[in-house]
């Protein structure tokens, strides 16, 4: 019959696993909990078994001593067998058993029902995600069949080796860095490209640290998902999108070389500004894509208006401002996966509400648009046009600095840092 403590451990583990699955309906969450359950179950079970073993030995000795005072002949046998008998067996011997012999005590493992342990093992073995556990030295202690299959290998070829032995030195460096991050933060996620004999594979990896009672590291549990198909699709999609954008850019250059140069300079400056501001990749990519496409709508504007050497009338200005409408038509079937289109429509908005087309104010203007709005004015003023000469970069920056009510001060200060750097001089060439 299984020990009650073991049964409770198994029940608790299963309850947590099932609970997470029901609440989140998230496969990754289920797998993480399952992996942790196995590790924690093993650790806790081992400690409980050790504690139970010590407790049972003490009870056996105490019972044997009491029996000796009551029945000398039976007590002698009980005392002799006590170190190797359970309390129940000692009591039976002291009561007059005629066949008292030394009996090896049953361990907790022997009391446990194999099906309880196997249940969790089967759970891990049946999932499609890879599950691994590494010790603090980075050696794989366990790996399920799904993980081995991902690597075109077998679990026996993985267990006992470190990342360098399984993946090679280059990949091992990245995996070691994520191990360190998991040990420090408790949980991290990353996406990694791995080159295997069968070709490149992409894995989405979630790692969690497992700590002892004294908070020392017991090891790292990792859940691996093969996302190669999704990653390759995204790469192909990004390549197609990039080629489409470059085609639009070349069309602009053929129509008006100034517009083409302006878009290129704007993209270079804005991308460098996002680096200085330490913005995330999504914002940086949005800014750069929108910059390249910022002049595309002017393909629908009368070229004679764009090259006028005189001051434009109010009606002509409104006609040029329709370039945003033309942009919407040209880009309506493109899904960038980022707010590129909305950024394009806000480039000419100003913080004080004096911009167009909607007269947005302050925080209603997205950060990518605020970056491009300031950079667009700067790039336009440092290049000559048929109706006006160029001004110096310092003068262009002064215009922006003197109008903090219109242009984002953080963006302008980042632009000044760029212009004072070697990259700034390269951008202005």
Protein backbone atom coordinates (compact mmCIF):
# COMPACT_ATOMS: atom_id res chain seq x y z
CA UNK A 1 0.00 0.00 0.00
CA UNK A 2 1.49 3.42 -0.93
CA UNK A 3 2.64 5.79 1.79
CA UNK A 4 0.15 8.58 2.45
CA UNK A 5 2.82 11.28 2.06
CA UNK A 6 3.84 9.97 -1.35
CA UNK A 7 0.22 9.83 -2.44
CA UNK A 8 -0.29 13.41 -1.31
CA UNK A 9 2.79 14.54 -3.22
CA UNK A 10 1.62 12.87 -6.41
CA UNK A 11 -1.91 14.21 -5.92
CA UNK A 12 -0.62 17.75 -5.36
CA UNK A 13 1.61 17.59 -8.42
CA UNK A 14 -1.22 16.36 -10.62
CA UNK A 15 -3.61 18.94 -9.18
CA UNK A 16 -1.21 21.75 -10.05
CA UNK A 17 -0.65 20.42 -13.56
CA UNK A 18 -4.33 19.98 -14.28
CA UNK A 19 -5.18 23.31 -12.64
CA UNK A 20 -2.77 25.25 -14.81
CA UNK A 21 -4.06 23.54 -17.93
CA UNK A 22 -7.70 24.26 -17.06
CA UNK A 23 -7.13 27.88 -16.09
CA UNK A 24 -4.79 28.88 -18.89
CA UNK A 25 -5.49 26.30 -21.60
CA UNK A 26 -1.86 26.93 -22.43
CA UNK A 27 0.21 23.97 -23.55
CA UNK A 28 3.51 25.65 -22.75
CA UNK A 29 2.34 26.44 -19.23
CA UNK A 30 1.20 22.86 -18.75
CA UNK A 31 4.54 21.51 -19.88
CA UNK A 32 6.52 23.86 -17.66
CA UNK A 33 4.50 22.86 -14.61
CA UNK A 34 4.79 19.20 -15.54
CA UNK A 35 8.54 19.47 -15.84
CA UNK A 36 8.83 21.33 -12.57
CA UNK A 37 6.45 18.86 -10.94
CA UNK A 38 8.75 15.98 -11.79
CA UNK A 39 11.80 17.75 -10.48
CA UNK A 40 10.15 19.04 -7.32
CA UNK A 41 8.34 15.75 -6.81
CA UNK A 42 11.63 13.90 -6.97
CA UNK A 43 13.36 16.32 -4.61
CA UNK A 44 10.51 16.50 -2.10
CA UNK A 45 9.87 12.76 -2.31
CA UNK A 46 13.53 12.01 -1.63
CA UNK A 47 13.54 14.26 1.41
CA UNK A 48 10.29 12.82 2.76
CA UNK A 49 11.58 9.30 2.25
CA UNK A 50 14.73 10.09 4.20
CA UNK A 51 12.70 11.73 6.97
CA UNK A 52 10.23 8.82 7.11
CA UNK A 53 13.03 6.28 7.21
CA UNK A 54 14.65 7.99 10.21
CA UNK A 55 11.30 8.33 11.98
CA UNK A 56 10.42 4.65 11.46
CA UNK A 57 13.82 3.50 12.75
CA UNK A 58 13.35 5.55 15.94
CA UNK A 59 9.84 4.16 16.47
CA UNK A 60 11.12 0.60 16.01
CA UNK A 61 13.85 0.95 18.64
CA UNK A 62 11.48 2.59 21.12
CA UNK A 63 8.83 -0.13 20.71
CA UNK A 64 11.37 -2.91 21.11
CA UNK A 65 12.66 -1.40 24.36
CA UNK A 66 9.16 -1.26 25.83
CA UNK A 67 8.43 -4.86 24.85
CA UNK A 68 11.61 -6.06 26.53
CA UNK A 69 10.33 -4.93 29.93
CA UNK A 70 7.05 -6.84 29.47
CA UNK A 71 8.23 -10.13 27.96
CA UNK A 72 11.89 -10.96 28.28
CA UNK A 73 12.01 -13.80 25.77
CA UNK A 74 9.95 -12.03 23.14
CA UNK A 75 11.71 -8.75 23.86
CA UNK A 76 15.09 -10.28 23.10
CA UNK A 77 13.93 -11.27 19.65
CA UNK A 78 12.28 -7.91 19.11
CA UNK A 79 15.39 -6.03 20.20
CA UNK A 80 17.56 -8.08 17.88
CA UNK A 81 15.27 -7.48 14.92
CA UNK A 82 14.41 -3.84 15.71
CA UNK A 83 16.99 -2.09 13.50
CA UNK A 84 15.71 -3.99 10.49
CA UNK A 85 11.99 -4.20 11.26
CA UNK A 86 9.04 -1.85 11.11
CA UNK A 87 7.19 -0.94 14.32
CA UNK A 88 4.29 -3.13 13.29
CA UNK A 89 6.55 -6.17 12.78
CA UNK A 90 8.24 -5.64 16.18
CA UNK A 91 4.87 -5.57 17.95
CA UNK A 92 3.84 -8.79 16.21
CA UNK A 93 7.05 -10.53 17.34
CA UNK A 94 6.68 -9.32 20.93
CA UNK A 95 3.12 -10.70 21.04
CA UNK A 96 4.36 -14.24 20.67
CA UNK A 97 5.12 -14.95 17.04
CA UNK A 98 6.75 -18.38 16.82
CA UNK A 99 8.58 -17.65 13.59
CA UNK A 100 10.32 -14.38 14.43
CA UNK A 101 13.22 -13.80 12.06
CA UNK A 102 15.28 -10.85 10.85
CA UNK A 103 13.31 -9.04 8.14
CA UNK A 104 14.68 -6.37 5.79
CA UNK A 105 12.47 -3.26 6.14
CA UNK A 106 10.48 -2.22 3.07
CA UNK A 107 11.64 1.09 1.68
CA UNK A 108 9.35 3.94 0.71
CA UNK A 109 10.06 3.18 -2.93
CA UNK A 110 8.79 -0.37 -2.44
CA UNK A 111 5.65 0.94 -0.74
CA UNK A 112 4.96 3.44 -3.57
CA UNK A 113 2.72 2.45 -6.40
CA UNK A 114 4.73 2.41 -9.64
CA UNK A 115 1.71 3.80 -11.49
CA UNK A 116 1.89 7.08 -9.55
CA UNK A 117 5.45 7.77 -10.61
CA UNK A 118 4.85 6.43 -14.08
CA UNK A 119 1.90 8.77 -14.52
CA UNK A 120 4.09 11.84 -14.45
CA UNK A 121 6.78 10.16 -16.53
CA UNK A 122 4.21 9.21 -19.14
CA UNK A 123 2.88 12.77 -19.15
CA UNK A 124 6.30 14.19 -19.99
CA UNK A 125 6.99 11.41 -22.48
CA UNK A 126 3.72 12.00 -24.35
CA UNK A 127 3.98 15.75 -25.00
CA UNK A 128 5.34 17.20 -28.22
CA UNK A 129 7.46 19.82 -26.44
CA UNK A 130 10.96 18.91 -25.35
CA UNK A 131 11.65 18.92 -21.62
CA UNK A 132 15.14 18.86 -20.14
CA UNK A 133 16.74 19.22 -16.72
CA UNK A 134 20.35 20.29 -16.22
CA UNK A 135 22.43 20.31 -13.05
CA UNK A 136 24.27 23.45 -11.85
CA UNK A 137 27.34 22.37 -13.84
CA UNK A 138 25.30 22.46 -17.06
CA UNK A 139 25.10 18.69 -17.61
CA UNK A 140 21.84 17.21 -18.86
CA UNK A 141 20.38 15.01 -16.12
CA UNK A 142 17.26 14.12 -18.08
CA UNK A 143 15.73 14.71 -21.50
CA UNK A 144 12.45 13.41 -22.83
CA UNK A 145 11.99 11.63 -26.16
CA UNK A 146 10.46 14.70 -27.83
CA UNK A 147 13.60 16.75 -27.15
CA UNK A 148 15.86 14.00 -28.46
CA UNK A 149 13.73 13.70 -31.59
CA UNK A 150 14.05 17.45 -32.19
CA UNK A 151 17.82 16.98 -32.35
CA UNK A 152 17.65 13.78 -34.43
CA UNK A 153 19.14 11.98 -31.43
CA UNK A 154 18.27 9.70 -28.51
CA UNK A 155 17.96 10.61 -24.81
CA UNK A 156 20.89 8.33 -23.98
CA UNK A 157 23.10 10.40 -26.30
CA UNK A 158 22.16 13.62 -24.49
CA UNK A 159 22.10 12.73 -20.78
CA UNK A 160 25.47 13.32 -19.12
CA UNK A 161 26.66 15.81 -21.74
CA UNK A 162 26.73 19.60 -21.60
CA UNK A 163 25.51 22.07 -24.24
CA UNK A 164 28.87 22.14 -26.00
CA UNK A 165 28.74 18.37 -26.36
CA UNK A 166 25.15 18.42 -27.63
CA UNK A 167 25.07 21.58 -29.78
CA UNK A 168 28.64 22.78 -30.26
CA UNK A 169 30.54 25.69 -28.71
CA UNK A 170 28.82 28.58 -30.51
CA UNK A 171 25.28 27.54 -29.57
CA UNK A 172 26.46 26.54 -26.09
CA UNK A 173 27.44 30.15 -25.34
CA UNK A 174 23.90 31.36 -26.00
CA UNK A 175 22.37 28.55 -23.96
CA UNK A 176 24.74 29.16 -21.06
CA UNK A 177 23.78 32.84 -21.06
CA UNK A 178 20.09 31.95 -20.84
CA UNK A 179 20.86 29.46 -18.03
CA UNK A 180 22.54 32.25 -16.07
CA UNK A 181 19.59 34.54 -16.71
CA UNK A 182 17.13 31.87 -15.50
CA UNK A 183 19.20 31.28 -12.36
CA UNK A 184 19.17 35.02 -11.64
CA UNK A 185 15.58 35.91 -12.62
CA UNK A 186 13.83 32.60 -12.02
CA UNK A 187 12.35 32.32 -15.51
CA UNK A 188 13.36 33.48 -19.01
CA UNK A 189 12.25 32.85 -22.58
CA UNK A 190 14.30 33.07 -25.75
CA UNK A 191 14.31 32.00 -29.38
CA UNK A 192 17.43 30.32 -30.72
CA UNK A 193 18.59 29.14 -34.13
CA UNK A 194 20.49 25.85 -34.03
CA UNK A 195 22.34 24.26 -36.94
CA UNK A 196 21.81 20.50 -37.07
CA UNK A 197 22.93 17.92 -39.65
CA UNK A 198 19.39 18.05 -41.06
CA UNK A 199 19.55 21.84 -41.43
CA UNK A 200 18.82 24.95 -39.35
CA UNK A 201 16.16 24.67 -36.65
CA UNK A 202 14.56 27.37 -34.54
CA UNK A 203 13.58 26.71 -30.92
CA UNK A 204 11.50 28.75 -28.52
CA UNK A 205 12.94 27.95 -25.10
CA UNK A 206 11.48 28.71 -21.68
CA UNK A 207 13.81 28.09 -18.74
CA UNK A 208 13.07 28.05 -15.01
CA UNK A 209 15.45 27.67 -12.10
CA UNK A 210 14.94 25.00 -9.42
CA UNK A 211 16.37 25.88 -6.00
CA UNK A 212 17.07 23.93 -2.81
CA UNK A 213 15.76 24.90 0.63
CA UNK A 214 18.92 26.97 1.21
CA UNK A 215 18.23 28.78 -2.10
CA UNK A 216 21.20 27.15 -3.81
CA UNK A 217 20.66 26.13 -7.42
CA UNK A 218 19.41 22.58 -7.91
CA UNK A 219 19.27 22.88 -11.70
CA UNK A 220 17.52 24.36 -14.74
CA UNK A 221 14.29 23.04 -16.23
CA UNK A 222 13.76 23.94 -19.90
CA UNK A 223 10.78 23.55 -22.20
CA UNK A 224 11.67 23.48 -25.90
CA UNK A 225 9.24 24.17 -28.76
CA UNK A 226 10.28 23.67 -32.37
CA UNK A 227 9.12 26.85 -34.15
CA UNK A 228 11.13 26.32 -37.33
CA UNK A 229 8.13 26.49 -39.67
CA UNK A 230 6.91 29.74 -38.13
CA UNK A 231 10.40 31.25 -38.09
CA UNK A 232 11.10 30.38 -41.73
CA UNK A 233 7.71 31.76 -42.75
CA UNK A 234 8.47 34.99 -40.90
CA UNK A 235 11.88 35.25 -42.57
CA UNK A 236 10.37 34.73 -46.02
CA UNK A 237 7.63 37.24 -45.24
CA UNK A 238 10.11 39.84 -44.00
CA UNK A 239 12.24 39.33 -47.09
CA UNK A 240 9.23 39.79 -49.37
CA UNK A 241 8.20 42.88 -47.41
CA UNK A 242 11.71 44.31 -47.65
CA UNK A 243 11.79 43.73 -51.40
CA UNK A 244 8.40 45.42 -51.75
CA UNK A 245 9.58 48.44 -49.79
CA UNK A 246 12.75 48.71 -51.86
CA UNK A 247 10.66 48.55 -55.03
CA UNK A 248 8.57 51.46 -53.75
CA UNK A 249 11.74 53.35 -52.83
CA UNK A 250 13.20 52.89 -56.31
CA UNK A 251 9.94 54.13 -57.81
CA UNK A 252 10.23 57.29 -55.72
CA UNK A 253 13.85 57.81 -56.79
CA UNK A 254 12.91 57.47 -60.46
CA UNK A 255 10.15 60.02 -60.02
CA UNK A 256 12.12 62.52 -57.93
CA UNK A 257 15.71 61.94 -56.83
CA UNK A 258 15.28 64.44 -53.98
CA UNK A 259 12.43 62.42 -52.49
CA UNK A 260 14.45 59.22 -52.77
CA UNK A 261 17.47 60.78 -51.07
CA UNK A 262 15.25 62.28 -48.39
CA UNK A 263 13.67 58.90 -47.56
CA UNK A 264 17.10 57.25 -47.29
CA UNK A 265 18.53 60.01 -45.09
CA UNK A 266 15.41 60.00 -42.91
CA UNK A 267 15.62 56.22 -42.43
CA UNK A 268 19.30 56.39 -41.46
CA UNK A 269 18.85 59.27 -39.02
CA UNK A 270 15.67 57.94 -37.39
CA UNK A 271 17.12 54.44 -36.97
CA UNK A 272 20.20 55.89 -35.26
CA UNK A 273 18.01 58.02 -32.99
CA UNK A 274 16.09 54.93 -31.85
CA UNK A 275 19.43 53.31 -30.99
CA UNK A 276 20.46 56.31 -28.89
CA UNK A 277 17.08 56.24 -27.13
CA UNK A 278 17.53 52.47 -26.53
CA UNK A 279 14.07 51.63 -27.84
CA UNK A 280 12.90 48.08 -28.43
CA UNK A 281 13.17 46.29 -31.77
CA UNK A 282 9.50 46.72 -32.70
CA UNK A 283 9.70 50.51 -32.37
CA UNK A 284 13.00 50.66 -34.26
CA UNK A 285 11.69 48.50 -37.09
CA UNK A 286 8.46 50.49 -37.30
CA UNK A 287 10.40 53.75 -37.52
CA UNK A 288 12.76 52.49 -40.21
CA UNK A 289 10.06 50.96 -42.42
CA UNK A 290 7.87 54.04 -42.14
CA UNK A 291 10.83 56.28 -43.02
CA UNK A 292 11.52 54.40 -46.25
CA UNK A 293 7.84 54.67 -47.20
CA UNK A 294 7.35 58.26 -46.02
CA UNK A 295 7.48 59.76 -49.51
CA UNK A 296 5.57 57.08 -51.40
CA UNK A 297 2.26 58.96 -51.34
CA UNK A 298 3.84 61.83 -53.26
CA UNK A 299 3.85 59.60 -56.32
CA UNK A 300 0.18 60.59 -56.56
CA UNK A 301 0.89 64.33 -56.34
CA UNK A 302 1.36 66.56 -59.39
CA UNK A 303 5.18 66.73 -59.81
CA UNK A 304 4.90 70.36 -60.89
CA UNK A 305 3.63 71.25 -57.45
CA UNK A 306 6.54 69.51 -55.76
CA UNK A 307 9.11 71.42 -57.80
CA UNK A 308 7.57 74.91 -57.63
CA UNK A 309 10.11 77.69 -56.95
CA UNK A 310 7.51 80.03 -55.47
CA UNK A 311 5.48 79.95 -52.27
CA UNK A 312 2.52 77.61 -52.70
CA UNK A 313 -1.06 78.75 -52.32
CA UNK A 314 -3.26 77.38 -49.54
CA UNK A 315 -5.10 75.20 -52.05
CA UNK A 316 -1.83 73.82 -53.44
CA UNK A 317 -0.63 73.00 -49.94
CA UNK A 318 -3.85 71.06 -49.29
CA UNK A 319 -3.31 69.21 -52.56
CA UNK A 320 0.18 68.13 -51.50
CA UNK A 321 -1.12 67.07 -48.10
CA UNK A 322 -3.27 64.52 -49.89
CA UNK A 323 -0.12 62.40 -50.21
CA UNK A 324 -1.21 60.66 -47.01
CA UNK A 325 -4.42 59.55 -48.73
CA UNK A 326 -2.37 58.21 -51.64
CA UNK A 327 -0.14 56.38 -49.14
CA UNK A 328 -3.18 54.67 -47.64
CA UNK A 329 -4.29 53.43 -51.05
CA UNK A 330 -0.84 52.11 -51.98
CA UNK A 331 -0.30 50.28 -48.68
CA UNK A 332 -3.81 49.06 -47.86
CA UNK A 333 -3.10 45.44 -48.86
CA UNK A 334 0.21 45.17 -46.99
CA UNK A 335 0.26 43.64 -43.52
CA UNK A 336 3.45 44.76 -41.81
CA UNK A 337 2.63 43.16 -38.46
CA UNK A 338 3.68 46.51 -36.95
CA UNK A 339 1.99 49.96 -36.74
CA UNK A 340 3.78 51.20 -39.85
CA UNK A 341 0.67 52.57 -41.59
CA UNK A 342 -0.60 54.47 -38.53
CA UNK A 343 2.89 55.89 -38.00
CA UNK A 344 2.97 57.19 -41.57
CA UNK A 345 -0.35 58.98 -41.07
CA UNK A 346 0.98 60.74 -37.94
CA UNK A 347 4.40 61.92 -39.14
CA UNK A 348 3.06 65.42 -39.85
CA UNK A 349 1.15 65.75 -36.57
CA UNK A 350 2.60 68.15 -33.98
CA UNK A 351 2.47 68.09 -30.18
CA UNK A 352 0.53 71.37 -30.04
CA UNK A 353 -2.16 70.13 -32.45
CA UNK A 354 -1.08 72.29 -35.40
CA UNK A 355 -0.15 69.35 -37.63
CA UNK A 356 -2.18 67.35 -40.14
CA UNK A 357 -4.28 65.41 -41.07
CA UNK A 358 -6.11 65.02 -37.73
CA UNK A 359 -4.60 67.72 -35.54
CA UNK A 360 -3.53 65.21 -32.88
CA UNK A 361 -1.85 66.50 -29.71
CA UNK A 362 0.74 65.29 -27.21
CA UNK A 363 0.59 61.63 -26.21
CA UNK A 364 -2.07 60.94 -28.86
CA UNK A 365 0.82 60.95 -31.34
CA UNK A 366 2.67 57.62 -31.25
CA UNK A 367 6.36 57.66 -30.35
CA UNK A 368 7.52 56.35 -33.77
CA UNK A 369 5.63 59.22 -35.42
CA UNK A 370 7.12 61.79 -33.01
CA UNK A 371 10.59 60.50 -33.88
CA UNK A 372 9.96 60.65 -37.61
CA UNK A 373 8.21 64.02 -37.38
CA UNK A 374 11.27 65.70 -35.88
CA UNK A 375 13.75 63.82 -38.08
CA UNK A 376 11.70 64.62 -41.20
CA UNK A 377 11.87 68.37 -40.55
CA UNK A 378 15.62 68.18 -39.87
CA UNK A 379 16.36 66.17 -43.04
CA UNK A 380 14.20 68.48 -45.16
CA UNK A 381 15.95 71.63 -43.96
CA UNK A 382 19.56 70.42 -44.40
CA UNK A 383 18.93 69.61 -48.09
CA UNK A 384 18.41 72.28 -50.78
CA UNK A 385 15.17 72.59 -52.74
CA UNK A 386 14.32 74.52 -55.86
CA UNK A 387 12.53 77.17 -53.81
CA UNK A 388 15.03 77.50 -50.91
CA UNK A 389 18.68 76.81 -49.97
CA UNK A 390 19.83 74.28 -47.37
CA UNK A 391 20.66 75.33 -43.82
CA UNK A 392 23.37 73.91 -41.54
CA UNK A 393 22.66 70.94 -39.26
CA UNK A 394 23.20 73.22 -36.25
CA UNK A 395 20.59 75.67 -37.54
CA UNK A 396 18.14 72.85 -38.23
CA UNK A 397 18.59 71.53 -34.68
CA UNK A 398 18.04 75.03 -33.29
CA UNK A 399 14.67 75.20 -35.05
CA UNK A 400 13.61 72.00 -33.30
CA UNK A 401 15.04 73.02 -29.91
CA UNK A 402 13.24 76.37 -30.04
CA UNK A 403 9.89 74.64 -30.56
CA UNK A 404 9.52 72.10 -27.70
CA UNK A 405 5.76 72.63 -27.87
CA UNK A 406 5.79 71.07 -31.34
CA UNK A 407 8.60 68.49 -31.28
CA UNK A 408 9.41 65.83 -28.67
CA UNK A 409 12.34 67.14 -26.59
CA UNK A 410 13.69 63.65 -25.89
CA UNK A 411 13.79 62.94 -29.61
CA UNK A 412 15.50 66.25 -30.39
CA UNK A 413 18.15 65.72 -27.70
CA UNK A 414 18.83 62.24 -29.10
CA UNK A 415 19.19 63.80 -32.57
CA UNK A 416 21.74 66.25 -31.20
CA UNK A 417 23.76 63.34 -29.78
CA UNK A 418 23.67 61.66 -33.18
CA UNK A 419 24.82 64.82 -34.97
CA UNK A 420 27.75 65.15 -32.57
CA UNK A 421 28.88 61.59 -33.34
CA UNK A 422 30.77 60.12 -36.32
CA UNK A 423 27.52 58.45 -37.41
CA UNK A 424 25.90 61.86 -37.75
CA UNK A 425 28.49 63.10 -40.22
CA UNK A 426 28.05 59.91 -42.25
CA UNK A 427 24.26 60.34 -42.37
CA UNK A 428 24.58 63.87 -43.80
CA UNK A 429 26.80 62.81 -46.70
